[in-house]
Amino acid sequence: MSGPILRELKHHAPFTIFGAATGIIGMVLCRNLSYETAYRIFYLFHPLHVFLSALVTAAMYKNYKTKHEGQKCSIAALLAVGFAGAIGVATLSDSVIPYLGELLLRMPHAEPHIGFIERWWLIMSLAGAGIAVAYFWPRTTFTHAGHVLISTWASLFHIIMAGGSPLTLLAAAAIFIFLFIAVWVPCCVSDIVFPLLFVGKDGRKACSGG
């Protein structure tokens, strides 16, 4: 699967660069936001990211299971793949990687803000809703693009919460890199790589065009 995975990462890199660039612009425009406001906005974008991630992950799994392997998609398996892929990867993208960047940049209010712990009822509900939509409407193209952009802004407001000093050029460059990494690899892993780990050889051949 290395060939298809690398092609997908390369294909999505330009859009992720655009998303990270909008994140830097957003940070400049929102630099005077209070911690409380940034926290509320983070908990708007992060749950939406979880919803879209669950939708795309579950839809990808369901499509390859039913269309390329000719098998019935187990609801239990769909729930397991959708929840694990969405919550695990969204947490890595929106919270863990930005938090590591905040620590390296020595931001004064760096905190992890793990959504499925702080607001477990909201995150679990949105993940379940995304999986339900995927079961009845397993589409991935538009939702993946939306997923990448929403993830960028969730990561952005996580970083804004940790701020407290003016944004220097060096800090902006470092934040751009962390936004790119936080979105590019986790989102592609969640939407593409993770669900395909659970399909058989026929599904993987379909992905690679074999």
C-alpha atoms as a PDB file:
ATOM      1  CA  MET A   1       0.000   0.000   0.000  1.00  0.00           C
ATOM      2  CA  SER A   2       2.995   2.355   0.186  1.00  0.00           C
ATOM      3  CA  GLY A   3       2.497   3.578  -3.385  1.00  0.00           C
ATOM      4  CA  PRO A   4      -1.167   4.655  -2.991  1.00  0.00           C
ATOM      5  CA  ILE A   5      -0.466   6.150   0.452  1.00  0.00           C
ATOM      6  CA  LEU A   6       2.413   8.275  -0.851  1.00  0.00           C
ATOM      7  CA  ARG A   7       0.320   9.391  -3.821  1.00  0.00           C
ATOM      8  CA  GLU A   8      -2.504  10.437  -1.516  1.00  0.00           C
ATOM      9  CA  LEU A   9      -0.128  12.347   0.782  1.00  0.00           C
ATOM     10  CA  LYS A  10       1.387  14.131  -2.218  1.00  0.00           C
ATOM     11  CA  HIS A  11      -2.044  14.889  -3.650  1.00  0.00           C
ATOM     12  CA  HIS A  12      -3.278  16.474  -0.424  1.00  0.00           C
ATOM     13  CA  ALA A  13      -0.117  18.427   0.423  1.00  0.00           C
ATOM     14  CA  PRO A  14      -0.993  21.581  -1.615  1.00  0.00           C
ATOM     15  CA  PHE A  15      -4.417  21.901   0.008  1.00  0.00           C
ATOM     16  CA  THR A  16      -2.856  21.398   3.428  1.00  0.00           C
ATOM     17  CA  ILE A  17      -0.306  24.140   2.691  1.00  0.00           C
ATOM     18  CA  PHE A  18      -3.207  26.437   1.811  1.00  0.00           C
ATOM     19  CA  GLY A  19      -4.986  25.484   5.032  1.00  0.00           C
ATOM     20  CA  ALA A  20      -1.868  26.141   7.124  1.00  0.00           C
ATOM     21  CA  ALA A  21      -1.425  29.518   5.403  1.00  0.00           C
ATOM     22  CA  THR A  22      -5.005  30.491   6.291  1.00  0.00           C
ATOM     23  CA  GLY A  23      -4.170  29.429   9.833  1.00  0.00           C
ATOM     24  CA  ILE A  24      -1.295  31.916  10.045  1.00  0.00           C
ATOM     25  CA  ILE A  25      -3.522  34.667   8.642  1.00  0.00           C
ATOM     26  CA  GLY A  26      -6.177  33.700  11.169  1.00  0.00           C
ATOM     27  CA  MET A  27      -3.656  33.841  14.001  1.00  0.00           C
ATOM     28  CA  VAL A  28      -2.641  37.375  13.011  1.00  0.00           C
ATOM     29  CA  LEU A  29      -6.271  38.478  12.797  1.00  0.00           C
ATOM     30  CA  CYS A  30      -7.255  36.740  16.047  1.00  0.00           C
ATOM     31  CA  ARG A  31      -4.112  37.479  18.056  1.00  0.00           C
ATOM     32  CA  ASN A  32      -6.036  39.585  20.590  1.00  0.00           C
ATOM     33  CA  LEU A  33      -8.659  36.939  21.358  1.00  0.00           C
ATOM     34  CA  SER A  34      -9.060  36.086  25.019  1.00  0.00           C
ATOM     35  CA  TYR A  35      -8.288  32.576  26.269  1.00  0.00           C
ATOM     36  CA  GLU A  36     -11.988  31.982  26.983  1.00  0.00           C
ATOM     37  CA  THR A  37     -13.058  32.991  23.459  1.00  0.00           C
ATOM     38  CA  ALA A  38     -10.365  30.872  21.798  1.00  0.00           C
ATOM     39  CA  TYR A  39     -11.384  27.937  24.025  1.00  0.00           C
ATOM     40  CA  ARG A  40     -15.015  28.227  22.917  1.00  0.00           C
ATOM     41  CA  ILE A  41     -14.047  28.439  19.250  1.00  0.00           C
ATOM     42  CA  PHE A  42     -11.749  25.433  19.622  1.00  0.00           C
ATOM     43  CA  TYR A  43     -14.703  23.452  20.931  1.00  0.00           C
ATOM     44  CA  LEU A  44     -16.646  24.464  17.849  1.00  0.00           C
ATOM     45  CA  PHE A  45     -14.042  23.313  15.319  1.00  0.00           C
ATOM     46  CA  HIS A  46     -12.710  20.248  17.178  1.00  0.00           C
ATOM     47  CA  PRO A  47     -16.096  18.458  17.473  1.00  0.00           C
ATOM     48  CA  LEU A  48     -16.836  19.333  13.838  1.00  0.00           C
ATOM     49  CA  HIS A  49     -13.461  17.848  12.905  1.00  0.00           C
ATOM     50  CA  VAL A  50     -14.353  14.664  14.803  1.00  0.00           C
ATOM     51  CA  PHE A  51     -17.683  14.473  12.961  1.00  0.00           C
ATOM     52  CA  LEU A  52     -16.068  14.853   9.515  1.00  0.00           C
ATOM     53  CA  SER A  53     -13.242  12.475  10.392  1.00  0.00           C
ATOM     54  CA  ALA A  54     -15.685   9.809  11.557  1.00  0.00           C
ATOM     55  CA  LEU A  55     -17.765  10.285   8.420  1.00  0.00           C
ATOM     56  CA  VAL A  56     -14.830   9.969   6.005  1.00  0.00           C
ATOM     57  CA  THR A  57     -13.092   7.142   7.871  1.00  0.00           C
ATOM     58  CA  ALA A  58     -16.259   5.069   8.175  1.00  0.00           C
ATOM     59  CA  ALA A  59     -17.326   5.851   4.585  1.00  0.00           C
ATOM     60  CA  MET A  60     -13.930   4.796   3.206  1.00  0.00           C
ATOM     61  CA  TYR A  61     -14.089   1.525   5.150  1.00  0.00           C
ATOM     62  CA  LYS A  62     -17.696   0.821   4.126  1.00  0.00           C
ATOM     63  CA  ASN A  63     -17.063   1.568   0.441  1.00  0.00           C
ATOM     64  CA  TYR A  64     -14.087  -0.751   0.149  1.00  0.00           C
ATOM     65  CA  LYS A  65     -15.737  -3.469   2.196  1.00  0.00           C
ATOM     66  CA  THR A  66     -18.955  -3.531   0.186  1.00  0.00           C
ATOM     67  CA  LYS A  67     -17.947  -2.405  -3.323  1.00  0.00           C
ATOM     68  CA  HIS A  68     -14.483  -3.926  -3.723  1.00  0.00           C
ATOM     69  CA  GLU A  69     -14.690  -6.990  -1.499  1.00  0.00           C
ATOM     70  CA  GLY A  70     -18.376  -7.703  -2.055  1.00  0.00           C
ATOM     71  CA  GLN A  71     -18.964  -8.257   1.647  1.00  0.00           C
ATOM     72  CA  LYS A  72     -21.582  -6.926   4.012  1.00  0.00           C
ATOM     73  CA  CYS A  73     -20.215  -4.192   6.262  1.00  0.00           C
ATOM     74  CA  SER A  74     -20.539  -5.144   9.915  1.00  0.00           C
ATOM     75  CA  ILE A  75     -22.029  -2.326  11.997  1.00  0.00           C
ATOM     76  CA  ALA A  76     -19.797  -3.283  14.931  1.00  0.00           C
ATOM     77  CA  ALA A  77     -16.684  -3.103  12.736  1.00  0.00           C
ATOM     78  CA  LEU A  78     -17.848   0.199  11.220  1.00  0.00           C
ATOM     79  CA  LEU A  79     -18.323   1.676  14.699  1.00  0.00           C
ATOM     80  CA  ALA A  80     -14.913   0.438  15.856  1.00  0.00           C
ATOM     81  CA  VAL A  81     -13.068   1.792  12.827  1.00  0.00           C
ATOM     82  CA  GLY A  82     -15.016   5.062  12.831  1.00  0.00           C
ATOM     83  CA  PHE A  83     -14.585   5.813  16.531  1.00  0.00           C
ATOM     84  CA  ALA A  84     -10.921   4.794  16.704  1.00  0.00           C
ATOM     85  CA  GLY A  85      -9.953   6.608  13.515  1.00  0.00           C
ATOM     86  CA  ALA A  86     -11.901   9.779  14.232  1.00  0.00           C
ATOM     87  CA  ILE A  87     -11.271  10.333  17.935  1.00  0.00           C
ATOM     88  CA  GLY A  88      -7.704   9.050  17.986  1.00  0.00           C
ATOM     89  CA  VAL A  89      -6.487  10.963  14.952  1.00  0.00           C
ATOM     90  CA  ALA A  90      -8.501  14.134  15.630  1.00  0.00           C
ATOM     91  CA  THR A  91      -7.003  14.256  19.124  1.00  0.00           C
ATOM     92  CA  LEU A  92      -3.505  13.838  17.692  1.00  0.00           C
ATOM     93  CA  SER A  93      -4.116  16.506  15.054  1.00  0.00           C
ATOM     94  CA  ASP A  94      -6.012  19.121  17.083  1.00  0.00           C
ATOM     95  CA  SER A  95      -4.480  18.686  20.531  1.00  0.00           C
ATOM     96  CA  VAL A  96      -1.330  16.571  20.837  1.00  0.00           C
ATOM     97  CA  ILE A  97       0.785  17.944  17.959  1.00  0.00           C
ATOM     98  CA  PRO A  98      -0.211  21.595  18.628  1.00  0.00           C
ATOM     99  CA  TYR A  99       0.543  21.072  22.327  1.00  0.00           C
ATOM    100  CA  LEU A 100       4.027  19.769  21.519  1.00  0.00           C
ATOM    101  CA  GLY A 101       4.578  22.827  19.330  1.00  0.00           C
ATOM    102  CA  GLU A 102       3.395  25.098  22.130  1.00  0.00           C
ATOM    103  CA  LEU A 103       5.848  23.481  24.543  1.00  0.00           C
ATOM    104  CA  LEU A 104       8.735  23.848  22.090  1.00  0.00           C
ATOM    105  CA  LEU A 105       7.837  27.501  21.517  1.00  0.00           C
ATOM    106  CA  ARG A 106       7.473  27.967  25.278  1.00  0.00           C
ATOM    107  CA  MET A 107       4.019  29.468  24.998  1.00  0.00           C
ATOM    108  CA  PRO A 108       2.781  30.677  28.388  1.00  0.00           C
ATOM    109  CA  HIS A 109      -0.590  28.873  28.483  1.00  0.00           C
ATOM    110  CA  ALA A 110       0.286  25.549  26.838  1.00  0.00           C
ATOM    111  CA  GLU A 111      -2.239  22.872  27.812  1.00  0.00           C
ATOM    112  CA  PRO A 112      -3.225  19.639  26.018  1.00  0.00           C
ATOM    113  CA  HIS A 113      -7.042  20.144  25.995  1.00  0.00           C
ATOM    114  CA  ILE A 114      -7.992  16.545  25.140  1.00  0.00           C
ATOM    115  CA  GLY A 115     -11.537  16.768  23.823  1.00  0.00           C
ATOM    116  CA  PHE A 116     -12.706  13.225  24.574  1.00  0.00           C
ATOM    117  CA  ILE A 117     -11.720  13.823  28.217  1.00  0.00           C
ATOM    118  CA  GLU A 118     -12.786  17.433  28.750  1.00  0.00           C
ATOM    119  CA  ARG A 119     -16.050  17.111  26.810  1.00  0.00           C
ATOM    120  CA  TRP A 120     -16.423  13.380  26.246  1.00  0.00           C
ATOM    121  CA  TRP A 121     -20.213  13.556  25.764  1.00  0.00           C
ATOM    122  CA  LEU A 122     -19.869  16.044  22.885  1.00  0.00           C
ATOM    123  CA  ILE A 123     -16.990  14.289  21.127  1.00  0.00           C
ATOM    124  CA  MET A 124     -18.527  10.812  21.375  1.00  0.00           C
ATOM    125  CA  SER A 125     -21.893  12.105  20.124  1.00  0.00           C
ATOM    126  CA  LEU A 126     -20.368  13.825  17.080  1.00  0.00           C
ATOM    127  CA  ALA A 127     -18.260  10.764  16.230  1.00  0.00           C
ATOM    128  CA  GLY A 128     -21.373   8.579  16.402  1.00  0.00           C
ATOM    129  CA  ALA A 129     -23.294  11.010  14.204  1.00  0.00           C
ATOM    130  CA  GLY A 130     -20.513  10.971  11.592  1.00  0.00           C
ATOM    131  CA  ILE A 131     -20.502   7.170  11.485  1.00  0.00           C
ATOM    132  CA  ALA A 132     -24.302   7.128  11.135  1.00  0.00           C
ATOM    133  CA  VAL A 133     -24.148   9.515   8.176  1.00  0.00           C
ATOM    134  CA  ALA A 134     -21.416   7.379   6.573  1.00  0.00           C
ATOM    135  CA  TYR A 135     -23.534   4.249   6.917  1.00  0.00           C
ATOM    136  CA  PHE A 136     -26.361   5.769   4.870  1.00  0.00           C
ATOM    137  CA  TRP A 137     -24.349   8.210   2.714  1.00  0.00           C
ATOM    138  CA  PRO A 138     -20.771   6.909   2.283  1.00  0.00           C
ATOM    139  CA  ARG A 139     -19.210   9.824   0.386  1.00  0.00           C
ATOM    140  CA  THR A 140     -15.601  10.968   0.873  1.00  0.00           C
ATOM    141  CA  THR A 141     -14.503  13.573  -1.697  1.00  0.00           C
ATOM    142  CA  PHE A 142     -16.022  16.814  -0.420  1.00  0.00           C
ATOM    143  CA  THR A 143     -15.875  15.790   3.202  1.00  0.00           C
ATOM    144  CA  HIS A 144     -12.131  15.114   3.076  1.00  0.00           C
ATOM    145  CA  ALA A 145     -11.439  18.647   1.802  1.00  0.00           C
ATOM    146  CA  GLY A 146     -13.659  20.080   4.522  1.00  0.00           C
ATOM    147  CA  HIS A 147     -11.991  17.818   7.068  1.00  0.00           C
ATOM    148  CA  VAL A 148      -8.531  19.203   6.271  1.00  0.00           C
ATOM    149  CA  LEU A 149      -9.602  22.848   6.539  1.00  0.00           C
ATOM    150  CA  ILE A 150     -11.614  22.356   9.731  1.00  0.00           C
ATOM    151  CA  SER A 151      -8.698  20.471  11.283  1.00  0.00           C
ATOM    152  CA  THR A 152      -6.386  23.395  10.494  1.00  0.00           C
ATOM    153  CA  TRP A 153      -8.629  25.813  12.330  1.00  0.00           C
ATOM    154  CA  ALA A 154      -9.103  23.520  15.302  1.00  0.00           C
ATOM    155  CA  SER A 155      -5.317  23.254  15.652  1.00  0.00           C
ATOM    156  CA  LEU A 156      -5.019  27.016  15.180  1.00  0.00           C
ATOM    157  CA  PHE A 157      -7.323  27.925  18.046  1.00  0.00           C
ATOM    158  CA  HIS A 158      -5.609  25.378  20.265  1.00  0.00           C
ATOM    159  CA  ILE A 159      -2.379  27.307  19.628  1.00  0.00           C
ATOM    160  CA  ILE A 160      -4.091  30.688  20.101  1.00  0.00           C
ATOM    161  CA  MET A 161      -5.225  29.541  23.556  1.00  0.00           C
ATOM    162  CA  ALA A 162      -1.595  28.977  24.480  1.00  0.00           C
ATOM    163  CA  GLY A 163      -0.420  32.379  23.207  1.00  0.00           C
ATOM    164  CA  GLY A 164       0.205  35.521  25.167  1.00  0.00           C
ATOM    165  CA  SER A 165       3.031  37.261  23.342  1.00  0.00           C
ATOM    166  CA  PRO A 166       3.219  39.047  19.947  1.00  0.00           C
ATOM    167  CA  LEU A 167       3.629  36.756  16.920  1.00  0.00           C
ATOM    168  CA  THR A 168       7.190  37.073  15.619  1.00  0.00           C
ATOM    169  CA  LEU A 169       8.255  36.020  12.122  1.00  0.00           C
ATOM    170  CA  LEU A 170      10.180  33.043  13.521  1.00  0.00           C
ATOM    171  CA  ALA A 171       7.214  31.968  15.648  1.00  0.00           C
ATOM    172  CA  ALA A 172       4.894  32.285  12.625  1.00  0.00           C
ATOM    173  CA  ALA A 173       7.194  30.049  10.558  1.00  0.00           C
ATOM    174  CA  ALA A 174       7.346  27.457  13.349  1.00  0.00           C
ATOM    175  CA  ILE A 175       3.567  27.536  13.819  1.00  0.00           C
ATOM    176  CA  PHE A 176       3.063  27.101  10.048  1.00  0.00           C
ATOM    177  CA  ILE A 177       5.206  23.950  10.161  1.00  0.00           C
ATOM    178  CA  PHE A 178       3.314  22.558  13.149  1.00  0.00           C
ATOM    179  CA  LEU A 179      -0.064  23.348  11.554  1.00  0.00           C
ATOM    180  CA  PHE A 180       1.013  21.570   8.369  1.00  0.00           C
ATOM    181  CA  ILE A 181       2.233  18.485  10.224  1.00  0.00           C
ATOM    182  CA  ALA A 182      -0.790  18.486  12.539  1.00  0.00           C
ATOM    183  CA  VAL A 183      -3.162  18.377   9.581  1.00  0.00           C
ATOM    184  CA  TRP A 184      -1.402  16.707   6.649  1.00  0.00           C
ATOM    185  CA  VAL A 185      -0.306  13.343   8.029  1.00  0.00           C
ATOM    186  CA  PRO A 186      -3.044  12.708  10.656  1.00  0.00           C
ATOM    187  CA  CYS A 187      -5.933  13.634   8.337  1.00  0.00           C
ATOM    188  CA  CYS A 188      -4.642  11.496   5.473  1.00  0.00           C
ATOM    189  CA  VAL A 189      -3.947   8.637   7.880  1.00  0.00           C
ATOM    190  CA  SER A 190      -7.459   8.932   9.326  1.00  0.00           C
ATOM    191  CA  ASP A 191      -9.294   9.256   6.006  1.00  0.00           C
ATOM    192  CA  ILE A 192      -7.227   6.938   3.823  1.00  0.00           C
ATOM    193  CA  VAL A 193      -4.642   4.730   5.537  1.00  0.00           C
ATOM    194  CA  PHE A 194      -6.440   3.737   8.750  1.00  0.00           C
ATOM    195  CA  PRO A 195      -9.690   2.391   7.218  1.00  0.00           C
ATOM    196  CA  LEU A 196      -7.783   0.478   4.526  1.00  0.00           C
ATOM    197  CA  LEU A 197      -5.842  -1.413   7.179  1.00  0.00           C
ATOM    198  CA  PHE A 198      -9.060  -3.269   7.946  1.00  0.00           C
ATOM    199  CA  VAL A 199     -10.035  -4.292   4.421  1.00  0.00           C
ATOM    200  CA  GLY A 200      -8.712  -7.294   2.598  1.00  0.00           C
ATOM    201  CA  LYS A 201      -6.331  -7.651  -0.329  1.00  0.00           C
ATOM    202  CA  ASP A 202      -9.017  -6.961  -2.941  1.00  0.00           C
ATOM    203  CA  GLY A 203      -9.898  -3.641  -1.362  1.00  0.00           C
ATOM    204  CA  ARG A 204      -6.244  -2.612  -1.231  1.00  0.00           C
ATOM    205  CA  LYS A 205      -5.734  -3.592  -4.884  1.00  0.00           C
ATOM    206  CA  ALA A 206      -8.701  -1.414  -5.791  1.00  0.00           C
ATOM    207  CA  CYS A 207      -7.083   1.477  -3.962  1.00  0.00           C
ATOM    208  CA  SER A 208      -3.825   1.016  -5.882  1.00  0.00           C
ATOM    209  CA  GLY A 209      -5.579   0.394  -9.183  1.00  0.00           C
ATOM    210  CA  GLY A 210      -4.433  -3.255  -9.244  1.00  0.00           C
END
